[in-house]
Amino acid sequence: MKIAIETTAALTEKICEMRENKQPFSVPAACLKAYGGQMAVWSADAAIQIHGGNGYSKEFVPERLLRDAKILEIGEGTTEIQKMIIGNSMLSMK
């Protein structure tokens, strides 16, 4: 989970620098949205596994985290849309 957090933070900083320097950043932003959403869901799922059966109980935080993390894959453009943006950018690199 820590690796996912650090990687996402580093990519966020890179995108902010690109924006400040007036560089195109739509593809790295799509990468961040897709990766960040997937890692949030993965981390929340891991937290539920750590808590065992209690992880699914509304009295415990991991249950809420998983519900919130799933929104990251759906809102702001689905992960599939972000992957299409990334894929299209790779096709234009030829």
N, C-alpha and C. Protein backbone atom coordinates (compact mmCIF):
# COMPACT_ATOMS: atom_id res chain seq x y z
N MET A 1 0.82 -1.19 0.00
CA MET A 1 0.00 0.00 0.00
C MET A 1 0.87 1.26 0.00
N LYS A 2 1.94 1.22 0.75
CA LYS A 2 2.84 2.37 0.82
C LYS A 2 3.47 2.65 -0.55
N ILE A 3 3.83 1.60 -1.27
CA ILE A 3 4.42 1.77 -2.60
C ILE A 3 3.42 2.46 -3.53
N ALA A 4 2.17 2.04 -3.47
CA ALA A 4 1.13 2.66 -4.31
C ALA A 4 0.95 4.13 -3.96
N ILE A 5 0.97 4.45 -2.68
CA ILE A 5 0.80 5.84 -2.23
C ILE A 5 1.96 6.69 -2.72
N GLU A 6 3.17 6.20 -2.55
CA GLU A 6 4.35 6.97 -2.95
C GLU A 6 4.42 7.15 -4.47
N THR A 7 4.09 6.10 -5.20
CA THR A 7 4.10 6.19 -6.67
C THR A 7 3.06 7.19 -7.16
N THR A 8 1.88 7.13 -6.59
CA THR A 8 0.82 8.06 -6.98
C THR A 8 1.19 9.50 -6.63
N ALA A 9 1.79 9.71 -5.47
CA ALA A 9 2.22 11.05 -5.08
C ALA A 9 3.29 11.59 -6.02
N ALA A 10 4.24 10.74 -6.39
CA ALA A 10 5.31 11.17 -7.30
C ALA A 10 4.75 11.55 -8.67
N LEU A 11 3.83 10.75 -9.18
CA LEU A 11 3.22 11.05 -10.47
C LEU A 11 2.40 12.34 -10.40
N THR A 12 1.73 12.55 -9.29
CA THR A 12 0.96 13.78 -9.11
C THR A 12 1.88 15.00 -9.14
N GLU A 13 3.01 14.92 -8.46
CA GLU A 13 3.97 16.02 -8.46
C GLU A 13 4.50 16.28 -9.87
N LYS A 14 4.78 15.21 -10.61
CA LYS A 14 5.29 15.36 -11.97
C LYS A 14 4.26 16.07 -12.84
N ILE A 15 3.00 15.68 -12.73
CA ILE A 15 1.95 16.30 -13.54
C ILE A 15 1.78 17.77 -13.17
N CYS A 16 1.87 18.08 -11.89
CA CYS A 16 1.77 19.49 -11.46
C CYS A 16 2.91 20.32 -12.06
N GLU A 17 4.10 19.77 -12.07
CA GLU A 17 5.24 20.47 -12.68
C GLU A 17 5.03 20.67 -14.17
N MET A 18 4.51 19.65 -14.83
CA MET A 18 4.25 19.76 -16.27
C MET A 18 3.23 20.86 -16.54
N ARG A 19 2.20 20.91 -15.72
CA ARG A 19 1.17 21.95 -15.91
C ARG A 19 1.75 23.33 -15.67
N GLU A 20 2.54 23.48 -14.62
CA GLU A 20 3.16 24.78 -14.32
C GLU A 20 4.09 25.23 -15.44
N ASN A 21 4.75 24.27 -16.10
CA ASN A 21 5.68 24.59 -17.19
C ASN A 21 4.99 24.62 -18.55
N LYS A 22 3.65 24.61 -18.54
CA LYS A 22 2.85 24.69 -19.77
C LYS A 22 3.14 23.54 -20.75
N GLN A 23 3.48 22.38 -20.20
CA GLN A 23 3.70 21.19 -21.01
C GLN A 23 2.39 20.40 -21.09
N PRO A 24 2.18 19.65 -22.17
CA PRO A 24 0.97 18.81 -22.24
C PRO A 24 1.01 17.73 -21.15
N PHE A 25 -0.11 17.56 -20.48
CA PHE A 25 -0.13 16.61 -19.36
C PHE A 25 -1.37 15.72 -19.37
N SER A 26 -2.13 15.72 -20.45
CA SER A 26 -3.38 14.95 -20.45
C SER A 26 -3.12 13.44 -20.37
N VAL A 27 -2.10 12.95 -21.05
CA VAL A 27 -1.83 11.50 -21.01
C VAL A 27 -1.29 11.09 -19.63
N PRO A 28 -0.30 11.82 -19.06
CA PRO A 28 0.10 11.45 -17.70
C PRO A 28 -1.05 11.57 -16.69
N ALA A 29 -1.94 12.54 -16.89
CA ALA A 29 -3.09 12.66 -15.99
C ALA A 29 -4.02 11.46 -16.13
N ALA A 30 -4.20 10.98 -17.35
CA ALA A 30 -5.01 9.77 -17.57
C ALA A 30 -4.36 8.57 -16.88
N CYS A 31 -3.02 8.49 -16.97
CA CYS A 31 -2.30 7.41 -16.29
C CYS A 31 -2.51 7.49 -14.79
N LEU A 32 -2.43 8.70 -14.25
CA LEU A 32 -2.62 8.89 -12.81
C LEU A 32 -4.03 8.52 -12.38
N LYS A 33 -5.03 8.94 -13.13
CA LYS A 33 -6.41 8.61 -12.78
C LYS A 33 -6.64 7.11 -12.79
N ALA A 34 -6.14 6.45 -13.84
CA ALA A 34 -6.33 5.00 -13.94
C ALA A 34 -5.57 4.27 -12.83
N TYR A 35 -4.30 4.59 -12.69
CA TYR A 35 -3.46 3.91 -11.70
C TYR A 35 -3.92 4.23 -10.28
N GLY A 36 -4.17 5.49 -10.01
CA GLY A 36 -4.58 5.89 -8.66
C GLY A 36 -5.88 5.22 -8.23
N GLY A 37 -6.85 5.17 -9.14
CA GLY A 37 -8.11 4.51 -8.82
C GLY A 37 -7.94 3.03 -8.57
N GLN A 38 -7.15 2.39 -9.43
CA GLN A 38 -6.92 0.96 -9.26
C GLN A 38 -6.17 0.65 -7.96
N MET A 39 -5.20 1.47 -7.63
CA MET A 39 -4.44 1.25 -6.40
C MET A 39 -5.28 1.53 -5.16
N ALA A 40 -6.19 2.48 -5.25
CA ALA A 40 -7.08 2.75 -4.11
C ALA A 40 -7.98 1.54 -3.86
N VAL A 41 -8.54 0.97 -4.92
CA VAL A 41 -9.38 -0.22 -4.76
C VAL A 41 -8.55 -1.38 -4.25
N TRP A 42 -7.36 -1.57 -4.82
CA TRP A 42 -6.49 -2.66 -4.38
C TRP A 42 -6.13 -2.51 -2.90
N SER A 43 -5.79 -1.30 -2.48
CA SER A 43 -5.40 -1.06 -1.09
C SER A 43 -6.58 -1.27 -0.14
N ALA A 44 -7.75 -0.80 -0.54
CA ALA A 44 -8.93 -0.99 0.30
C ALA A 44 -9.27 -2.48 0.41
N ASP A 45 -9.13 -3.20 -0.69
CA ASP A 45 -9.38 -4.64 -0.65
C ASP A 45 -8.38 -5.34 0.26
N ALA A 46 -7.12 -4.91 0.20
CA ALA A 46 -6.09 -5.49 1.07
C ALA A 46 -6.42 -5.20 2.54
N ALA A 47 -6.92 -4.00 2.82
CA ALA A 47 -7.29 -3.65 4.20
C ALA A 47 -8.43 -4.53 4.69
N ILE A 48 -9.38 -4.81 3.81
CA ILE A 48 -10.48 -5.70 4.17
C ILE A 48 -9.94 -7.10 4.47
N GLN A 49 -8.99 -7.58 3.66
CA GLN A 49 -8.40 -8.89 3.90
C GLN A 49 -7.69 -8.93 5.25
N ILE A 50 -7.00 -7.86 5.58
CA ILE A 50 -6.29 -7.80 6.86
C ILE A 50 -7.26 -7.90 8.03
N HIS A 51 -8.42 -7.25 7.89
CA HIS A 51 -9.41 -7.24 8.96
C HIS A 51 -10.29 -8.50 8.96
N GLY A 52 -10.14 -9.34 7.95
CA GLY A 52 -10.93 -10.56 7.88
C GLY A 52 -12.41 -10.24 7.69
N GLY A 53 -13.27 -11.03 8.28
CA GLY A 53 -14.71 -10.84 8.15
C GLY A 53 -15.17 -9.48 8.65
N ASN A 54 -14.46 -8.93 9.63
CA ASN A 54 -14.85 -7.62 10.15
C ASN A 54 -14.66 -6.51 9.11
N GLY A 55 -13.80 -6.75 8.12
CA GLY A 55 -13.55 -5.74 7.10
C GLY A 55 -14.79 -5.37 6.31
N TYR A 56 -15.74 -6.28 6.22
CA TYR A 56 -16.98 -6.02 5.49
C TYR A 56 -18.05 -5.36 6.36
N SER A 57 -17.81 -5.27 7.64
CA SER A 57 -18.77 -4.69 8.56
C SER A 57 -18.73 -3.18 8.51
N LYS A 58 -19.90 -2.55 8.55
CA LYS A 58 -19.96 -1.08 8.49
C LYS A 58 -19.34 -0.41 9.70
N GLU A 59 -19.08 -1.17 10.76
CA GLU A 59 -18.44 -0.60 11.95
C GLU A 59 -16.94 -0.38 11.77
N PHE A 60 -16.39 -0.95 10.71
CA PHE A 60 -14.96 -0.85 10.47
C PHE A 60 -14.69 0.01 9.23
N VAL A 61 -13.59 0.73 9.26
CA VAL A 61 -13.23 1.69 8.21
C VAL A 61 -13.03 1.06 6.83
N PRO A 62 -12.40 -0.12 6.71
CA PRO A 62 -12.13 -0.65 5.36
C PRO A 62 -13.36 -0.78 4.47
N GLU A 63 -14.50 -1.07 5.06
CA GLU A 63 -15.73 -1.21 4.26
C GLU A 63 -16.05 0.11 3.57
N ARG A 64 -15.96 1.21 4.28
CA ARG A 64 -16.22 2.53 3.71
C ARG A 64 -15.15 2.90 2.68
N LEU A 65 -13.90 2.55 2.99
CA LEU A 65 -12.82 2.86 2.06
C LEU A 65 -13.01 2.18 0.71
N LEU A 66 -13.48 0.94 0.74
CA LEU A 66 -13.69 0.23 -0.53
C LEU A 66 -14.82 0.88 -1.32
N ARG A 67 -15.90 1.28 -0.64
CA ARG A 67 -16.98 1.96 -1.35
C ARG A 67 -16.49 3.27 -1.95
N ASP A 68 -15.72 4.03 -1.19
CA ASP A 68 -15.19 5.31 -1.69
C ASP A 68 -14.19 5.09 -2.83
N ALA A 69 -13.37 4.07 -2.73
CA ALA A 69 -12.36 3.81 -3.75
C ALA A 69 -13.00 3.41 -5.08
N LYS A 70 -14.09 2.66 -5.04
CA LYS A 70 -14.75 2.26 -6.29
C LYS A 70 -15.23 3.48 -7.07
N ILE A 71 -15.59 4.54 -6.38
CA ILE A 71 -16.02 5.77 -7.06
C ILE A 71 -14.87 6.35 -7.88
N LEU A 72 -13.64 6.18 -7.44
CA LEU A 72 -12.49 6.70 -8.18
C LEU A 72 -12.33 6.02 -9.53
N GLU A 73 -12.77 4.78 -9.63
CA GLU A 73 -12.70 4.08 -10.91
C GLU A 73 -13.85 4.47 -11.83
N ILE A 74 -14.92 5.02 -11.26
CA ILE A 74 -16.11 5.34 -12.03
C ILE A 74 -16.18 6.83 -12.35
N GLY A 75 -15.98 7.67 -11.34
CA GLY A 75 -16.08 9.12 -11.53
C GLY A 75 -14.90 9.68 -12.30
N GLU A 76 -15.03 10.89 -12.81
CA GLU A 76 -13.97 11.57 -13.56
C GLU A 76 -13.52 10.76 -14.77
N GLY A 77 -14.41 10.03 -15.37
CA GLY A 77 -14.04 9.18 -16.52
C GLY A 77 -13.66 7.82 -16.00
N THR A 78 -14.28 6.81 -16.54
CA THR A 78 -14.01 5.45 -16.05
C THR A 78 -12.57 5.07 -16.36
N THR A 79 -12.11 4.07 -15.66
CA THR A 79 -10.76 3.56 -15.88
C THR A 79 -10.59 3.11 -17.33
N GLU A 80 -11.66 2.55 -17.90
CA GLU A 80 -11.59 2.10 -19.29
C GLU A 80 -11.36 3.28 -20.24
N ILE A 81 -12.01 4.41 -19.99
CA ILE A 81 -11.82 5.60 -20.81
C ILE A 81 -10.38 6.10 -20.68
N GLN A 82 -9.86 6.12 -19.46
CA GLN A 82 -8.48 6.55 -19.25
C GLN A 82 -7.51 5.65 -20.02
N LYS A 83 -7.79 4.36 -20.02
CA LYS A 83 -6.93 3.42 -20.75
C LYS A 83 -7.02 3.65 -22.26
N MET A 84 -8.19 4.05 -22.74
CA MET A 84 -8.32 4.37 -24.17
C MET A 84 -7.48 5.60 -24.51
N ILE A 85 -7.50 6.60 -23.66
CA ILE A 85 -6.68 7.81 -23.88
C ILE A 85 -5.21 7.43 -23.94
N ILE A 86 -4.79 6.61 -22.99
CA ILE A 86 -3.39 6.17 -22.93
C ILE A 86 -3.03 5.36 -24.17
N GLY A 87 -3.90 4.43 -24.55
CA GLY A 87 -3.65 3.60 -25.72
C GLY A 87 -3.57 4.40 -27.00
N ASN A 88 -4.49 5.37 -27.16
CA ASN A 88 -4.47 6.20 -28.35
C ASN A 88 -3.18 7.02 -28.43
N SER A 89 -2.68 7.46 -27.29
CA SER A 89 -1.44 8.23 -27.30
C SER A 89 -0.26 7.35 -27.72
N MET A 90 -0.32 6.08 -27.37
CA MET A 90 0.75 5.16 -27.74
C MET A 90 0.71 4.87 -29.24
N LEU A 91 -0.49 4.82 -29.82
CA LEU A 91 -0.60 4.60 -31.25
C LEU A 91 -0.06 5.77 -32.05
N SER A 92 -0.23 6.97 -31.52
CA SER A 92 0.25 8.16 -32.24
C SER A 92 1.76 8.36 -32.09
N MET A 93 2.42 7.54 -31.26
CA MET A 93 3.87 7.65 -31.06
C MET A 93 4.65 7.03 -32.23
N LYS A 94 3.98 6.25 -33.06
CA LYS A 94 4.67 5.55 -34.16
C LYS A 94 5.27 6.51 -35.14
